[in-house]
Amino acid sequence: MYDLVIQAVKTLATLYAAPYASIDLGSMPENDGLAMYLGPGSPDAEYFSKNSLNNFDVVLNGKHNNQQTVLKALSNIHVALSRLKSYPSGEGWEILNIRSTTAPNFIEQESSSLQWLYGSILEVQFFMKGA
């Protein structure tokens, strides 16, 4: 189920990632790329029905040879996803909220490629229906 939720977040984030056309799954993006991976998370509450309220972090990293390009793309994703009025759902799950827990921030400029590396974290809250 977590795979479906992270895929839904990735699909949403890609809508706001211009000029990037895609987002890879993984921790380190390719040159001029974005990547995201599922970070730690846990159930907030579990009910007798085995339904649960859950959250997990999504780490979103970006690299580009232009510092403003990567910072703007990450910022656009954070602002857009945290302001949506509705989120995706599927069989047995529903995203309830996405919020920024770590705003896009500078990590390093790679000495070999001169790519600017920025990182950020989104928290995803979702409802999982019991079996």
N, C-alpha and C. Protein backbone atom coordinates (compact mmCIF):
# COMPACT_ATOMS: atom_id res chain seq x y z
N MET A 1 0.81 -1.19 0.00
CA MET A 1 0.00 0.00 0.00
C MET A 1 0.86 1.26 0.00
N TYR A 2 1.98 1.25 0.75
CA TYR A 2 2.86 2.42 0.77
C TYR A 2 3.37 2.74 -0.63
N ASP A 3 3.60 1.71 -1.42
CA ASP A 3 4.06 1.93 -2.79
C ASP A 3 3.04 2.71 -3.60
N LEU A 4 1.75 2.45 -3.38
CA LEU A 4 0.70 3.17 -4.10
C LEU A 4 0.63 4.63 -3.65
N VAL A 5 0.79 4.85 -2.36
CA VAL A 5 0.73 6.21 -1.84
C VAL A 5 1.92 7.02 -2.34
N ILE A 6 3.14 6.46 -2.28
CA ILE A 6 4.32 7.20 -2.75
C ILE A 6 4.22 7.48 -4.25
N GLN A 7 3.66 6.54 -5.01
CA GLN A 7 3.48 6.76 -6.45
C GLN A 7 2.50 7.90 -6.69
N ALA A 8 1.45 7.98 -5.89
CA ALA A 8 0.47 9.07 -6.02
C ALA A 8 1.12 10.41 -5.70
N VAL A 9 1.96 10.45 -4.67
CA VAL A 9 2.66 11.69 -4.32
C VAL A 9 3.63 12.08 -5.44
N LYS A 10 4.32 11.11 -5.98
CA LYS A 10 5.26 11.37 -7.09
C LYS A 10 4.52 11.93 -8.30
N THR A 11 3.39 11.34 -8.63
CA THR A 11 2.59 11.82 -9.76
C THR A 11 2.13 13.26 -9.53
N LEU A 12 1.65 13.55 -8.33
CA LEU A 12 1.24 14.92 -8.00
C LEU A 12 2.42 15.89 -8.11
N ALA A 13 3.55 15.53 -7.50
CA ALA A 13 4.72 16.41 -7.49
C ALA A 13 5.20 16.71 -8.90
N THR A 14 5.13 15.73 -9.78
CA THR A 14 5.59 15.92 -11.16
C THR A 14 4.78 17.00 -11.87
N LEU A 15 3.53 17.17 -11.50
CA LEU A 15 2.69 18.21 -12.11
C LEU A 15 3.23 19.62 -11.86
N TYR A 16 3.99 19.78 -10.78
CA TYR A 16 4.47 21.11 -10.38
C TYR A 16 5.99 21.23 -10.45
N ALA A 17 6.66 20.31 -11.13
CA ALA A 17 8.11 20.22 -11.12
C ALA A 17 8.80 20.95 -12.27
N ALA A 18 8.09 21.66 -13.10
CA ALA A 18 8.69 22.32 -14.27
C ALA A 18 9.93 23.13 -13.86
N PRO A 19 10.98 23.08 -14.63
CA PRO A 19 11.12 22.51 -15.96
C PRO A 19 11.48 21.02 -15.97
N TYR A 20 11.50 20.37 -14.81
CA TYR A 20 11.77 18.94 -14.77
C TYR A 20 10.56 18.18 -15.31
N ALA A 21 10.82 17.15 -16.10
CA ALA A 21 9.74 16.39 -16.71
C ALA A 21 9.37 15.15 -15.91
N SER A 22 10.26 14.73 -15.01
CA SER A 22 9.99 13.51 -14.25
C SER A 22 10.71 13.57 -12.90
N ILE A 23 10.34 12.65 -12.04
CA ILE A 23 10.98 12.51 -10.74
C ILE A 23 11.33 11.04 -10.57
N ASP A 24 12.59 10.76 -10.31
CA ASP A 24 13.02 9.38 -10.10
C ASP A 24 12.76 8.96 -8.66
N LEU A 25 12.66 7.66 -8.44
CA LEU A 25 12.59 7.13 -7.08
C LEU A 25 14.02 6.79 -6.65
N GLY A 26 14.43 7.30 -5.52
CA GLY A 26 15.77 7.09 -5.02
C GLY A 26 16.23 8.30 -4.25
N SER A 27 17.41 8.21 -3.66
CA SER A 27 17.87 9.31 -2.81
C SER A 27 18.64 10.39 -3.56
N MET A 28 19.40 10.01 -4.58
CA MET A 28 20.24 10.98 -5.27
C MET A 28 19.78 11.15 -6.72
N PRO A 29 19.40 12.36 -7.08
CA PRO A 29 18.96 12.59 -8.46
C PRO A 29 20.15 12.59 -9.43
N GLU A 30 19.83 12.31 -10.67
CA GLU A 30 20.81 12.45 -11.75
C GLU A 30 21.09 13.94 -11.94
N ASN A 31 22.11 14.27 -12.72
CA ASN A 31 22.36 15.67 -13.05
C ASN A 31 21.11 16.27 -13.68
N ASP A 32 20.80 17.50 -13.28
CA ASP A 32 19.61 18.21 -13.75
C ASP A 32 18.35 17.36 -13.53
N GLY A 33 18.25 16.74 -12.37
CA GLY A 33 17.11 15.87 -12.09
C GLY A 33 16.57 16.01 -10.68
N LEU A 34 15.43 15.36 -10.46
CA LEU A 34 14.78 15.30 -9.16
C LEU A 34 14.64 13.83 -8.76
N ALA A 35 14.69 13.58 -7.46
CA ALA A 35 14.47 12.22 -6.95
C ALA A 35 13.77 12.31 -5.61
N MET A 36 12.97 11.29 -5.31
CA MET A 36 12.30 11.23 -4.02
C MET A 36 12.35 9.80 -3.50
N TYR A 37 12.31 9.72 -2.17
CA TYR A 37 12.24 8.39 -1.57
C TYR A 37 11.41 8.45 -0.30
N LEU A 38 10.89 7.29 0.06
CA LEU A 38 10.06 7.14 1.23
C LEU A 38 10.94 7.12 2.47
N GLY A 39 10.69 8.05 3.37
CA GLY A 39 11.43 8.12 4.62
C GLY A 39 10.67 7.41 5.72
N PRO A 40 11.06 7.65 6.96
CA PRO A 40 10.41 6.98 8.08
C PRO A 40 8.97 7.45 8.28
N GLY A 41 8.20 6.58 8.89
CA GLY A 41 6.82 6.91 9.19
C GLY A 41 6.24 5.89 10.15
N SER A 42 5.05 6.17 10.62
CA SER A 42 4.42 5.24 11.55
C SER A 42 2.93 5.53 11.63
N PRO A 43 2.17 4.56 12.13
CA PRO A 43 0.75 4.84 12.36
C PRO A 43 0.59 5.85 13.49
N ASP A 44 -0.29 6.83 13.30
CA ASP A 44 -0.61 7.78 14.37
C ASP A 44 -1.63 7.16 15.31
N ALA A 45 -2.57 6.43 14.73
CA ALA A 45 -3.63 5.82 15.52
C ALA A 45 -4.15 4.60 14.78
N GLU A 46 -4.44 3.56 15.52
CA GLU A 46 -5.05 2.37 14.94
C GLU A 46 -6.33 2.10 15.70
N TYR A 47 -7.35 1.69 14.95
CA TYR A 47 -8.66 1.50 15.53
C TYR A 47 -9.01 0.02 15.58
N PHE A 48 -10.01 -0.34 16.37
CA PHE A 48 -10.43 -1.73 16.50
C PHE A 48 -10.82 -2.33 15.16
N SER A 49 -11.26 -1.49 14.25
CA SER A 49 -11.64 -1.95 12.92
C SER A 49 -10.42 -2.27 12.06
N LYS A 50 -9.24 -1.99 12.60
CA LYS A 50 -7.95 -2.14 11.90
C LYS A 50 -7.74 -1.06 10.86
N ASN A 51 -8.60 -0.03 10.87
CA ASN A 51 -8.31 1.16 10.08
C ASN A 51 -7.20 1.91 10.80
N SER A 52 -6.38 2.67 10.06
CA SER A 52 -5.33 3.41 10.74
C SER A 52 -5.06 4.74 10.05
N LEU A 53 -4.68 5.70 10.86
CA LEU A 53 -4.22 7.00 10.39
C LEU A 53 -2.70 6.93 10.42
N ASN A 54 -2.06 7.21 9.30
CA ASN A 54 -0.62 7.02 9.15
C ASN A 54 0.04 8.28 8.63
N ASN A 55 1.33 8.38 8.86
CA ASN A 55 2.11 9.44 8.22
C ASN A 55 3.49 8.90 7.90
N PHE A 56 4.09 9.47 6.88
CA PHE A 56 5.48 9.17 6.57
C PHE A 56 6.08 10.39 5.87
N ASP A 57 7.40 10.44 5.90
CA ASP A 57 8.11 11.52 5.23
C ASP A 57 8.51 11.10 3.83
N VAL A 58 8.48 12.05 2.93
CA VAL A 58 8.99 11.87 1.57
C VAL A 58 10.13 12.87 1.41
N VAL A 59 11.32 12.35 1.19
CA VAL A 59 12.47 13.21 0.96
C VAL A 59 12.53 13.51 -0.53
N LEU A 60 12.61 14.79 -0.87
CA LEU A 60 12.63 15.24 -2.26
C LEU A 60 13.92 16.02 -2.48
N ASN A 61 14.79 15.49 -3.33
CA ASN A 61 16.08 16.12 -3.62
C ASN A 61 16.14 16.53 -5.09
N GLY A 62 16.88 17.59 -5.36
CA GLY A 62 17.03 18.05 -6.74
C GLY A 62 18.42 18.55 -7.02
N LYS A 63 18.83 18.40 -8.28
CA LYS A 63 20.12 18.91 -8.74
C LYS A 63 19.92 19.65 -10.05
N HIS A 64 20.70 20.71 -10.22
CA HIS A 64 20.68 21.45 -11.48
C HIS A 64 21.92 22.32 -11.56
N ASN A 65 22.33 22.64 -12.76
CA ASN A 65 23.50 23.51 -12.91
C ASN A 65 23.15 24.97 -12.65
N ASN A 66 21.84 25.27 -12.55
CA ASN A 66 21.39 26.61 -12.20
C ASN A 66 20.69 26.53 -10.84
N GLN A 67 21.26 27.21 -9.87
CA GLN A 67 20.75 27.15 -8.50
C GLN A 67 19.28 27.57 -8.42
N GLN A 68 18.90 28.62 -9.11
CA GLN A 68 17.52 29.11 -9.06
C GLN A 68 16.54 28.11 -9.65
N THR A 69 16.96 27.36 -10.66
CA THR A 69 16.07 26.38 -11.29
C THR A 69 15.65 25.31 -10.30
N VAL A 70 16.61 24.72 -9.60
CA VAL A 70 16.28 23.65 -8.66
C VAL A 70 15.51 24.19 -7.45
N LEU A 71 15.90 25.34 -6.95
CA LEU A 71 15.20 25.92 -5.80
C LEU A 71 13.76 26.26 -6.15
N LYS A 72 13.54 26.83 -7.32
CA LYS A 72 12.18 27.19 -7.74
C LYS A 72 11.31 25.96 -7.93
N ALA A 73 11.85 24.91 -8.55
CA ALA A 73 11.06 23.70 -8.78
C ALA A 73 10.65 23.05 -7.45
N LEU A 74 11.61 22.91 -6.54
CA LEU A 74 11.28 22.31 -5.24
C LEU A 74 10.28 23.18 -4.48
N SER A 75 10.47 24.48 -4.52
CA SER A 75 9.54 25.39 -3.85
C SER A 75 8.14 25.28 -4.43
N ASN A 76 8.04 25.23 -5.75
CA ASN A 76 6.72 25.10 -6.40
C ASN A 76 6.02 23.82 -5.97
N ILE A 77 6.77 22.72 -5.88
CA ILE A 77 6.18 21.45 -5.45
C ILE A 77 5.67 21.56 -4.02
N HIS A 78 6.48 22.11 -3.13
CA HIS A 78 6.07 22.23 -1.72
C HIS A 78 4.83 23.10 -1.57
N VAL A 79 4.82 24.24 -2.20
CA VAL A 79 3.68 25.15 -2.08
C VAL A 79 2.42 24.51 -2.66
N ALA A 80 2.53 23.94 -3.84
CA ALA A 80 1.35 23.36 -4.50
C ALA A 80 0.77 22.19 -3.71
N LEU A 81 1.63 21.25 -3.29
CA LEU A 81 1.12 20.06 -2.61
C LEU A 81 0.53 20.38 -1.24
N SER A 82 1.07 21.38 -0.58
CA SER A 82 0.54 21.73 0.74
C SER A 82 -0.74 22.56 0.67
N ARG A 83 -1.07 23.06 -0.50
CA ARG A 83 -2.27 23.89 -0.65
C ARG A 83 -3.41 23.20 -1.38
N LEU A 84 -3.21 21.98 -1.81
CA LEU A 84 -4.29 21.27 -2.51
C LEU A 84 -5.49 21.08 -1.59
N LYS A 85 -6.66 21.15 -2.17
CA LYS A 85 -7.90 20.97 -1.42
C LYS A 85 -8.33 19.50 -1.36
N SER A 86 -7.85 18.70 -2.29
CA SER A 86 -8.15 17.27 -2.28
C SER A 86 -6.94 16.50 -2.77
N TYR A 87 -6.85 15.25 -2.35
CA TYR A 87 -5.69 14.41 -2.64
C TYR A 87 -6.16 13.08 -3.20
N PRO A 88 -5.25 12.35 -3.84
CA PRO A 88 -5.62 11.06 -4.42
C PRO A 88 -6.03 10.02 -3.38
N SER A 89 -6.78 9.04 -3.84
CA SER A 89 -7.15 7.90 -3.02
C SER A 89 -7.19 6.68 -3.92
N GLY A 90 -7.18 5.53 -3.30
CA GLY A 90 -7.25 4.27 -4.03
C GLY A 90 -7.96 3.24 -3.18
N GLU A 91 -7.96 2.02 -3.65
CA GLU A 91 -8.63 0.95 -2.91
C GLU A 91 -7.89 0.69 -1.60
N GLY A 92 -8.50 1.04 -0.50
CA GLY A 92 -7.93 0.79 0.81
C GLY A 92 -7.09 1.92 1.39
N TRP A 93 -6.95 3.05 0.68
CA TRP A 93 -6.15 4.16 1.20
C TRP A 93 -6.66 5.49 0.66
N GLU A 94 -6.33 6.54 1.39
CA GLU A 94 -6.70 7.90 0.99
C GLU A 94 -5.70 8.88 1.60
N ILE A 95 -5.06 9.69 0.77
CA ILE A 95 -4.18 10.74 1.28
C ILE A 95 -5.06 11.84 1.85
N LEU A 96 -4.76 12.25 3.09
CA LEU A 96 -5.55 13.28 3.76
C LEU A 96 -4.88 14.65 3.72
N ASN A 97 -3.53 14.66 3.76
CA ASN A 97 -2.82 15.94 3.79
C ASN A 97 -1.36 15.73 3.41
N ILE A 98 -0.78 16.76 2.84
CA ILE A 98 0.65 16.82 2.57
C ILE A 98 1.12 18.17 3.06
N ARG A 99 2.19 18.18 3.84
CA ARG A 99 2.73 19.45 4.34
C ARG A 99 4.25 19.42 4.31
N SER A 100 4.84 20.59 4.26
CA SER A 100 6.30 20.72 4.29
C SER A 100 6.78 20.61 5.73
N THR A 101 7.74 19.74 5.96
CA THR A 101 8.38 19.70 7.27
C THR A 101 9.79 20.27 7.21
N THR A 102 10.40 20.21 6.04
CA THR A 102 11.69 20.86 5.81
C THR A 102 11.62 21.54 4.44
N ALA A 103 11.69 22.84 4.45
CA ALA A 103 11.64 23.61 3.20
C ALA A 103 12.88 23.30 2.35
N PRO A 104 12.78 23.51 1.04
CA PRO A 104 13.95 23.29 0.20
C PRO A 104 15.16 24.05 0.73
N ASN A 105 16.28 23.34 0.86
CA ASN A 105 17.47 23.97 1.40
C ASN A 105 18.72 23.46 0.70
N PHE A 106 19.72 24.29 0.66
CA PHE A 106 20.99 23.99 0.00
C PHE A 106 21.74 22.91 0.76
N ILE A 107 22.24 21.92 0.02
CA ILE A 107 23.06 20.86 0.60
C ILE A 107 24.52 21.05 0.20
N GLU A 108 24.78 21.13 -1.11
CA GLU A 108 26.15 21.35 -1.57
C GLU A 108 26.16 21.67 -3.06
N GLN A 109 27.28 22.18 -3.51
CA GLN A 109 27.53 22.27 -4.95
C GLN A 109 28.61 21.26 -5.25
N GLU A 110 28.30 20.31 -6.11
CA GLU A 110 29.23 19.24 -6.42
C GLU A 110 30.44 19.80 -7.16
N SER A 111 31.61 19.42 -6.71
CA SER A 111 32.83 19.96 -7.30
C SER A 111 33.10 19.42 -8.70
N SER A 112 32.71 18.19 -8.97
CA SER A 112 32.99 17.60 -10.28
C SER A 112 32.04 18.10 -11.37
N SER A 113 30.76 18.22 -11.05
CA SER A 113 29.77 18.60 -12.07
C SER A 113 29.28 20.03 -11.93
N LEU A 114 29.60 20.67 -10.80
CA LEU A 114 29.10 22.01 -10.48
C LEU A 114 27.58 22.07 -10.38
N GLN A 115 26.96 20.92 -10.16
CA GLN A 115 25.52 20.86 -9.96
C GLN A 115 25.19 21.32 -8.53
N TRP A 116 24.13 22.11 -8.42
CA TRP A 116 23.64 22.55 -7.11
C TRP A 116 22.70 21.49 -6.58
N LEU A 117 22.92 21.02 -5.37
CA LEU A 117 22.10 19.99 -4.75
C LEU A 117 21.28 20.61 -3.63
N TYR A 118 19.95 20.45 -3.72
CA TYR A 118 19.02 20.93 -2.71
C TYR A 118 18.19 19.76 -2.21
N GLY A 119 17.75 19.84 -0.97
CA GLY A 119 16.92 18.80 -0.39
C GLY A 119 15.75 19.38 0.36
N SER A 120 14.72 18.56 0.56
CA SER A 120 13.52 18.99 1.27
C SER A 120 12.76 17.76 1.75
N ILE A 121 11.81 17.98 2.65
CA ILE A 121 11.02 16.87 3.17
C ILE A 121 9.54 17.27 3.22
N LEU A 122 8.70 16.38 2.72
CA LEU A 122 7.26 16.51 2.80
C LEU A 122 6.72 15.44 3.74
N GLU A 123 5.72 15.77 4.53
CA GLU A 123 5.06 14.77 5.36
C GLU A 123 3.71 14.45 4.72
N VAL A 124 3.46 13.17 4.54
CA VAL A 124 2.22 12.70 3.94
C VAL A 124 1.39 12.02 5.02
N GLN A 125 0.16 12.46 5.19
CA GLN A 125 -0.75 11.84 6.13
C GLN A 125 -1.82 11.12 5.32
N PHE A 126 -2.05 9.84 5.64
CA PHE A 126 -3.05 9.10 4.88
C PHE A 126 -3.79 8.12 5.78
N PHE A 127 -4.96 7.74 5.31
CA PHE A 127 -5.84 6.82 6.01
C PHE A 127 -5.74 5.47 5.31
N MET A 128 -5.53 4.41 6.08
CA MET A 128 -5.46 3.06 5.53
C MET A 128 -6.63 2.26 6.11
N LYS A 129 -7.44 1.71 5.22
CA LYS A 129 -8.60 0.93 5.65
C LYS A 129 -8.16 -0.48 6.02
N GLY A 130 -8.73 -0.99 7.08
CA GLY A 130 -8.41 -2.33 7.57
C GLY A 130 -8.91 -3.43 6.64
N ALA A 131 -8.38 -4.60 6.83
CA ALA A 131 -8.77 -5.74 5.98
C ALA A 131 -10.12 -6.30 6.35
